């Protein structure tokens, strides 16, 4: 019993470990002969090759069944999202505050709008989208009649935004109290806004820009826009709500108050 309880020295333990790693008497490496190690290695290589092949086959089958002409990213919400530019965010909502006496403040807003409107350049739009769309009707396309097996897209040019296009006034009105914002639909009133102007006229988006068939089918498609020029009461904060106006689109969702609309604040300082 005393021999069983005898503690082994550090040297003995190192010797035992060395014998475990390589036992010259049995010719084993870590308890197995080199031949067995070869068999085990081949087994795991074959196992992981088969698993990888099955995984790749499953991914390929999934991708093969997906329609490449369906938009990749879709939401469960039935109503479309609404956004506003310049997209300068405050603590809770978009807050478009600027100082009319500070040129850098207005230039920052103008740069955001210029960057956003680059895809809407008149020359680029008319080169890519030269199809003569019928206004007032949905542009239903059952075939891929455009070049490179794609579908036509209706052009939406920067000049269609009128004084809010940045072509007539590069400052977009941010050098005074008549700023322009770019949205997608209409909006509700507010007492701190003296006057509202829409571009295109009445803030209507023509149905000829819909439906959207996806990026692959319509590679030159750009979202139609509405520009709004406000005449603000200086030093007064105006809370603006832009919402979609359509009998098929909901904007009164109790669980999602921002469905179908966007809310932002606008203020011109001196």
Foldseek 3Di string as FASTA:
>chain_A
DVVVPDDDDPVVVVVVVVCCCAPPVVCAGNPHHPVVVVVVVVVVVVVVVVVVVVVVVVVVVVVVPDDPQAAPDDDPAPFDAKDKPPQPDDPPAREQEAELVDPVRLVVRLVSLVVVCVLQAPVNQCVQAVDDFDWQDAQDDPFQPDPPRAHHAHHDHLCQQPLQSCPVPSSCCLNHQWHKMKMQAAKDDWPQWPDKAKGPHPRDDTNNRDDRRYCVRYVSYDRHMMMMITRGDAPDKTKMKGFHDDPSHDQDDPVDNRGRIGIYIYHYYD
